[in-house]
C-alpha atoms as a PDB file:
ATOM      1  CA  UNK A   1      -0.013   0.439  -0.265  1.00  0.00           C
ATOM      2  CA  UNK A   2       2.823   2.641   0.880  1.00  0.00           C
ATOM      3  CA  UNK A   3       4.110   2.348  -2.979  1.00  0.00           C
ATOM      4  CA  UNK A   4       1.142   4.401  -4.134  1.00  0.00           C
ATOM      5  CA  UNK A   5       1.471   6.962  -1.094  1.00  0.00           C
ATOM      6  CA  UNK A   6       3.310  10.460  -1.988  1.00  0.00           C
ATOM      7  CA  UNK A   7       3.018  12.523   0.769  1.00  0.00           C
ATOM      8  CA  UNK A   8       0.865  15.170   1.943  1.00  0.00           C
ATOM      9  CA  UNK A   9      -1.220  16.200  -0.823  1.00  0.00           C
ATOM     10  CA  UNK A  10      -2.790  19.165   0.942  1.00  0.00           C
ATOM     11  CA  UNK A  11      -4.822  20.382   4.540  1.00  0.00           C
ATOM     12  CA  UNK A  12      -8.563  21.815   4.078  1.00  0.00           C
ATOM     13  CA  UNK A  13      -9.602  24.468   5.715  1.00  0.00           C
ATOM     14  CA  UNK A  14     -12.980  26.227   5.894  1.00  0.00           C
ATOM     15  CA  UNK A  15     -13.989  29.912   5.819  1.00  0.00           C
ATOM     16  CA  UNK A  16     -16.212  32.114   6.105  1.00  0.00           C
ATOM     17  CA  UNK A  17     -14.899  34.336   3.335  1.00  0.00           C
ATOM     18  CA  UNK A  18     -12.433  33.369   0.932  1.00  0.00           C
ATOM     19  CA  UNK A  19     -10.401  36.434  -0.596  1.00  0.00           C
ATOM     20  CA  UNK A  20     -10.243  37.443   3.358  1.00  0.00           C
ATOM     21  CA  UNK A  21      -8.224  34.092   3.905  1.00  0.00           C
ATOM     22  CA  UNK A  22      -6.376  34.323   0.537  1.00  0.00           C
ATOM     23  CA  UNK A  23      -5.538  37.795   1.885  1.00  0.00           C
ATOM     24  CA  UNK A  24      -4.509  36.706   5.368  1.00  0.00           C
ATOM     25  CA  UNK A  25      -2.267  33.940   3.929  1.00  0.00           C
ATOM     26  CA  UNK A  26      -0.293  35.728   0.752  1.00  0.00           C
ATOM     27  CA  UNK A  27       0.533  38.507   3.741  1.00  0.00           C
ATOM     28  CA  UNK A  28       2.171  36.019   5.541  1.00  0.00           C
ATOM     29  CA  UNK A  29       3.991  34.651   1.957  1.00  0.00           C
ATOM     30  CA  UNK A  30       1.775  32.415   0.918  1.00  0.00           C
ATOM     31  CA  UNK A  31       1.065  31.801  -2.864  1.00  0.00           C
ATOM     32  CA  UNK A  32      -2.368  31.682  -4.300  1.00  0.00           C
ATOM     33  CA  UNK A  33      -1.816  28.109  -6.661  1.00  0.00           C
ATOM     34  CA  UNK A  34      -5.426  27.665  -8.333  1.00  0.00           C
ATOM     35  CA  UNK A  35      -8.592  28.651  -7.480  1.00  0.00           C
ATOM     36  CA  UNK A  36     -11.711  26.701  -8.620  1.00  0.00           C
ATOM     37  CA  UNK A  37     -15.495  26.154  -7.939  1.00  0.00           C
ATOM     38  CA  UNK A  38     -17.453  22.725  -7.471  1.00  0.00           C
ATOM     39  CA  UNK A  39     -21.246  22.745  -7.289  1.00  0.00           C
ATOM     40  CA  UNK A  40     -22.881  21.012  -4.067  1.00  0.00           C
ATOM     41  CA  UNK A  41     -26.476  20.384  -3.995  1.00  0.00           C
ATOM     42  CA  UNK A  42     -26.410  24.190  -1.029  1.00  0.00           C
ATOM     43  CA  UNK A  43     -24.938  26.137  -3.772  1.00  0.00           C
ATOM     44  CA  UNK A  44     -20.958  26.705  -5.241  1.00  0.00           C
ATOM     45  CA  UNK A  45     -18.103  26.062  -3.039  1.00  0.00           C
ATOM     46  CA  UNK A  46     -15.333  28.483  -3.543  1.00  0.00           C
ATOM     47  CA  UNK A  47     -11.698  26.745  -3.915  1.00  0.00           C
ATOM     48  CA  UNK A  48      -8.060  28.378  -3.782  1.00  0.00           C
ATOM     49  CA  UNK A  49      -4.893  26.290  -3.096  1.00  0.00           C
ATOM     50  CA  UNK A  50      -2.659  28.485  -0.770  1.00  0.00           C
ATOM     51  CA  UNK A  51       0.852  27.181  -0.491  1.00  0.00           C
ATOM     52  CA  UNK A  52       2.151  28.288   2.859  1.00  0.00           C
ATOM     53  CA  UNK A  53       5.335  27.685   5.037  1.00  0.00           C
ATOM     54  CA  UNK A  54       5.921  24.475   2.937  1.00  0.00           C
ATOM     55  CA  UNK A  55       2.381  22.616   2.675  1.00  0.00           C
ATOM     56  CA  UNK A  56      -0.506  23.278   0.741  1.00  0.00           C
ATOM     57  CA  UNK A  57      -3.594  24.694   2.092  1.00  0.00           C
ATOM     58  CA  UNK A  58      -7.385  24.321  -0.058  1.00  0.00           C
ATOM     59  CA  UNK A  59      -9.045  27.105   1.317  1.00  0.00           C
ATOM     60  CA  UNK A  60     -12.856  26.204   1.101  1.00  0.00           C
ATOM     61  CA  UNK A  61     -15.885  28.926   1.451  1.00  0.00           C
ATOM     62  CA  UNK A  62     -19.005  27.081   1.316  1.00  0.00           C
ATOM     63  CA  UNK A  63     -22.584  27.876   0.312  1.00  0.00           C
ATOM     64  CA  UNK A  64     -23.809  27.118   3.753  1.00  0.00           C
ATOM     65  CA  UNK A  65     -22.447  28.091   6.898  1.00  0.00           C
ATOM     66  CA  UNK A  66     -20.130  25.776   8.411  1.00  0.00           C
ATOM     67  CA  UNK A  67     -18.837  25.525  11.938  1.00  0.00           C
ATOM     68  CA  UNK A  68     -16.225  27.458  12.609  1.00  0.00           C
ATOM     69  CA  UNK A  69     -14.780  27.048  16.241  1.00  0.00           C
ATOM     70  CA  UNK A  70     -12.134  23.778  16.759  1.00  0.00           C
ATOM     71  CA  UNK A  71     -12.986  21.502  13.983  1.00  0.00           C
ATOM     72  CA  UNK A  72     -12.680  23.965  10.824  1.00  0.00           C
ATOM     73  CA  UNK A  73      -9.739  21.369   9.116  1.00  0.00           C
ATOM     74  CA  UNK A  74     -12.500  18.946   7.454  1.00  0.00           C
ATOM     75  CA  UNK A  75     -10.280  16.393   6.031  1.00  0.00           C
ATOM     76  CA  UNK A  76      -6.539  15.798   5.337  1.00  0.00           C
ATOM     77  CA  UNK A  77      -5.364  14.818   1.606  1.00  0.00           C
ATOM     78  CA  UNK A  78      -2.765  11.906   0.832  1.00  0.00           C
ATOM     79  CA  UNK A  79      -1.462  12.698  -2.310  1.00  0.00           C
ATOM     80  CA  UNK A  80      -0.965   8.717  -4.319  1.00  0.00           C
ATOM     81  CA  UNK A  81       0.195   7.792  -7.770  1.00  0.00           C
ATOM     82  CA  UNK A  82      -2.837   5.795  -9.112  1.00  0.00           C
ATOM     83  CA  UNK A  83      -6.258   6.417  -7.375  1.00  0.00           C
ATOM     84  CA  UNK A  84      -7.162   2.981  -8.311  1.00  0.00           C
ATOM     85  CA  UNK A  85      -4.705   0.886  -7.078  1.00  0.00           C
ATOM     86  CA  UNK A  86      -4.624   2.827  -4.062  1.00  0.00           C
ATOM     87  CA  UNK A  87      -8.111   2.826  -3.048  1.00  0.00           C
ATOM     88  CA  UNK A  88      -8.142  -1.025  -3.710  1.00  0.00           C
ATOM     89  CA  UNK A  89      -5.234  -1.571  -1.571  1.00  0.00           C
ATOM     90  CA  UNK A  90      -7.191   0.126   1.320  1.00  0.00           C
ATOM     91  CA  UNK A  91     -10.357  -1.564   0.856  1.00  0.00           C
ATOM     92  CA  UNK A  92      -7.665  -5.332   0.845  1.00  0.00           C
ATOM     93  CA  UNK A  93      -6.504  -3.305   4.441  1.00  0.00           C
ATOM     94  CA  UNK A  94     -10.401  -3.635   5.634  1.00  0.00           C
ATOM     95  CA  UNK A  95     -11.472  -0.271   5.730  1.00  0.00           C
ATOM     96  CA  UNK A  96     -15.008  -0.002   4.188  1.00  0.00           C
ATOM     97  CA  UNK A  97     -15.782   3.340   5.464  1.00  0.00           C
ATOM     98  CA  UNK A  98     -15.503   5.117   1.282  1.00  0.00           C
ATOM     99  CA  UNK A  99     -18.424   7.922   1.423  1.00  0.00           C
ATOM    100  CA  UNK A 100     -18.801   7.081  -1.999  1.00  0.00           C
ATOM    101  CA  UNK A 101     -19.150   3.889  -4.163  1.00  0.00           C
ATOM    102  CA  UNK A 102     -17.395   5.766  -6.902  1.00  0.00           C
ATOM    103  CA  UNK A 103     -14.192   8.250  -7.193  1.00  0.00           C
ATOM    104  CA  UNK A 104     -15.097  11.461  -8.450  1.00  0.00           C
ATOM    105  CA  UNK A 105     -13.024  12.920 -11.275  1.00  0.00           C
ATOM    106  CA  UNK A 106     -12.487  15.790 -11.962  1.00  0.00           C
ATOM    107  CA  UNK A 107     -11.265  17.401 -14.618  1.00  0.00           C
ATOM    108  CA  UNK A 108     -11.122  21.023 -14.630  1.00  0.00           C
ATOM    109  CA  UNK A 109     -10.269  22.052 -11.005  1.00  0.00           C
ATOM    110  CA  UNK A 110      -6.665  22.716 -10.187  1.00  0.00           C
ATOM    111  CA  UNK A 111      -5.180  21.425 -13.539  1.00  0.00           C
ATOM    112  CA  UNK A 112      -7.486  18.171 -13.142  1.00  0.00           C
ATOM    113  CA  UNK A 113      -8.097  15.678 -10.425  1.00  0.00           C
ATOM    114  CA  UNK A 114      -9.221  12.477  -9.192  1.00  0.00           C
ATOM    115  CA  UNK A 115     -10.466  11.708  -5.428  1.00  0.00           C
ATOM    116  CA  UNK A 116     -11.797   9.893  -2.730  1.00  0.00           C
ATOM    117  CA  UNK A 117     -12.818   9.933   0.537  1.00  0.00           C
ATOM    118  CA  UNK A 118     -12.780   7.599   3.571  1.00  0.00           C
ATOM    119  CA  UNK A 119     -13.332   7.763   7.208  1.00  0.00           C
ATOM    120  CA  UNK A 120     -10.507   6.909   9.864  1.00  0.00           C
ATOM    121  CA  UNK A 121     -12.316   5.667  13.129  1.00  0.00           C
ATOM    122  CA  UNK A 122     -12.884   8.964  14.598  1.00  0.00           C
ATOM    123  CA  UNK A 123     -14.376  10.178  11.837  1.00  0.00           C
ATOM    124  CA  UNK A 124     -11.504  11.985   9.752  1.00  0.00           C
ATOM    125  CA  UNK A 125     -12.176  12.023   6.333  1.00  0.00           C
ATOM    126  CA  UNK A 126      -9.044  11.017   4.491  1.00  0.00           C
ATOM    127  CA  UNK A 127      -8.685  11.969   0.916  1.00  0.00           C
ATOM    128  CA  UNK A 128      -6.955  10.098  -1.745  1.00  0.00           C
ATOM    129  CA  UNK A 129      -5.903  12.591  -3.921  1.00  0.00           C
ATOM    130  CA  UNK A 130      -4.362  12.211  -7.751  1.00  0.00           C
ATOM    131  CA  UNK A 131      -3.492  15.080  -9.641  1.00  0.00           C
ATOM    132  CA  UNK A 132      -4.216  14.070 -13.236  1.00  0.00           C
ATOM    133  CA  UNK A 133      -1.544  17.247 -14.601  1.00  0.00           C
ATOM    134  CA  UNK A 134       2.198  16.634 -12.960  1.00  0.00           C
ATOM    135  CA  UNK A 135       2.767  20.510 -13.076  1.00  0.00           C
ATOM    136  CA  UNK A 136       0.036  21.151 -10.651  1.00  0.00           C
ATOM    137  CA  UNK A 137       1.317  18.736  -8.179  1.00  0.00           C
ATOM    138  CA  UNK A 138       1.392  20.356  -4.657  1.00  0.00           C
ATOM    139  CA  UNK A 139       4.902  19.379  -3.953  1.00  0.00           C
END
């Protein structure tokens, strides 16, 4: 299983105002690496990737109010080289907590990506993330 894991993909952070959050991280030396949006049942989620302190933050502004106290970090992502193989190995290790029956393929988001979420033993969400174009990789 380890052969497919390449490192931390990103840390997702909910924000009430994505532009304010971007300005905050840029002021501290961060750099925006991509912007995008995805449709959700309640409306459009605004997204931004910000390289900050050697890691990538995925800033998420939800179309609905999100709790903003402790726990505004909704998931972490593990970068993989082969999403299907990595997911199969996670399943073979006994994990049956994938949140959807199929992976998501988002060819227009951040240069193209595919992902699949599952939960850990305390309900934490873990994203297996494969970038479709190497130049948009998070490293």
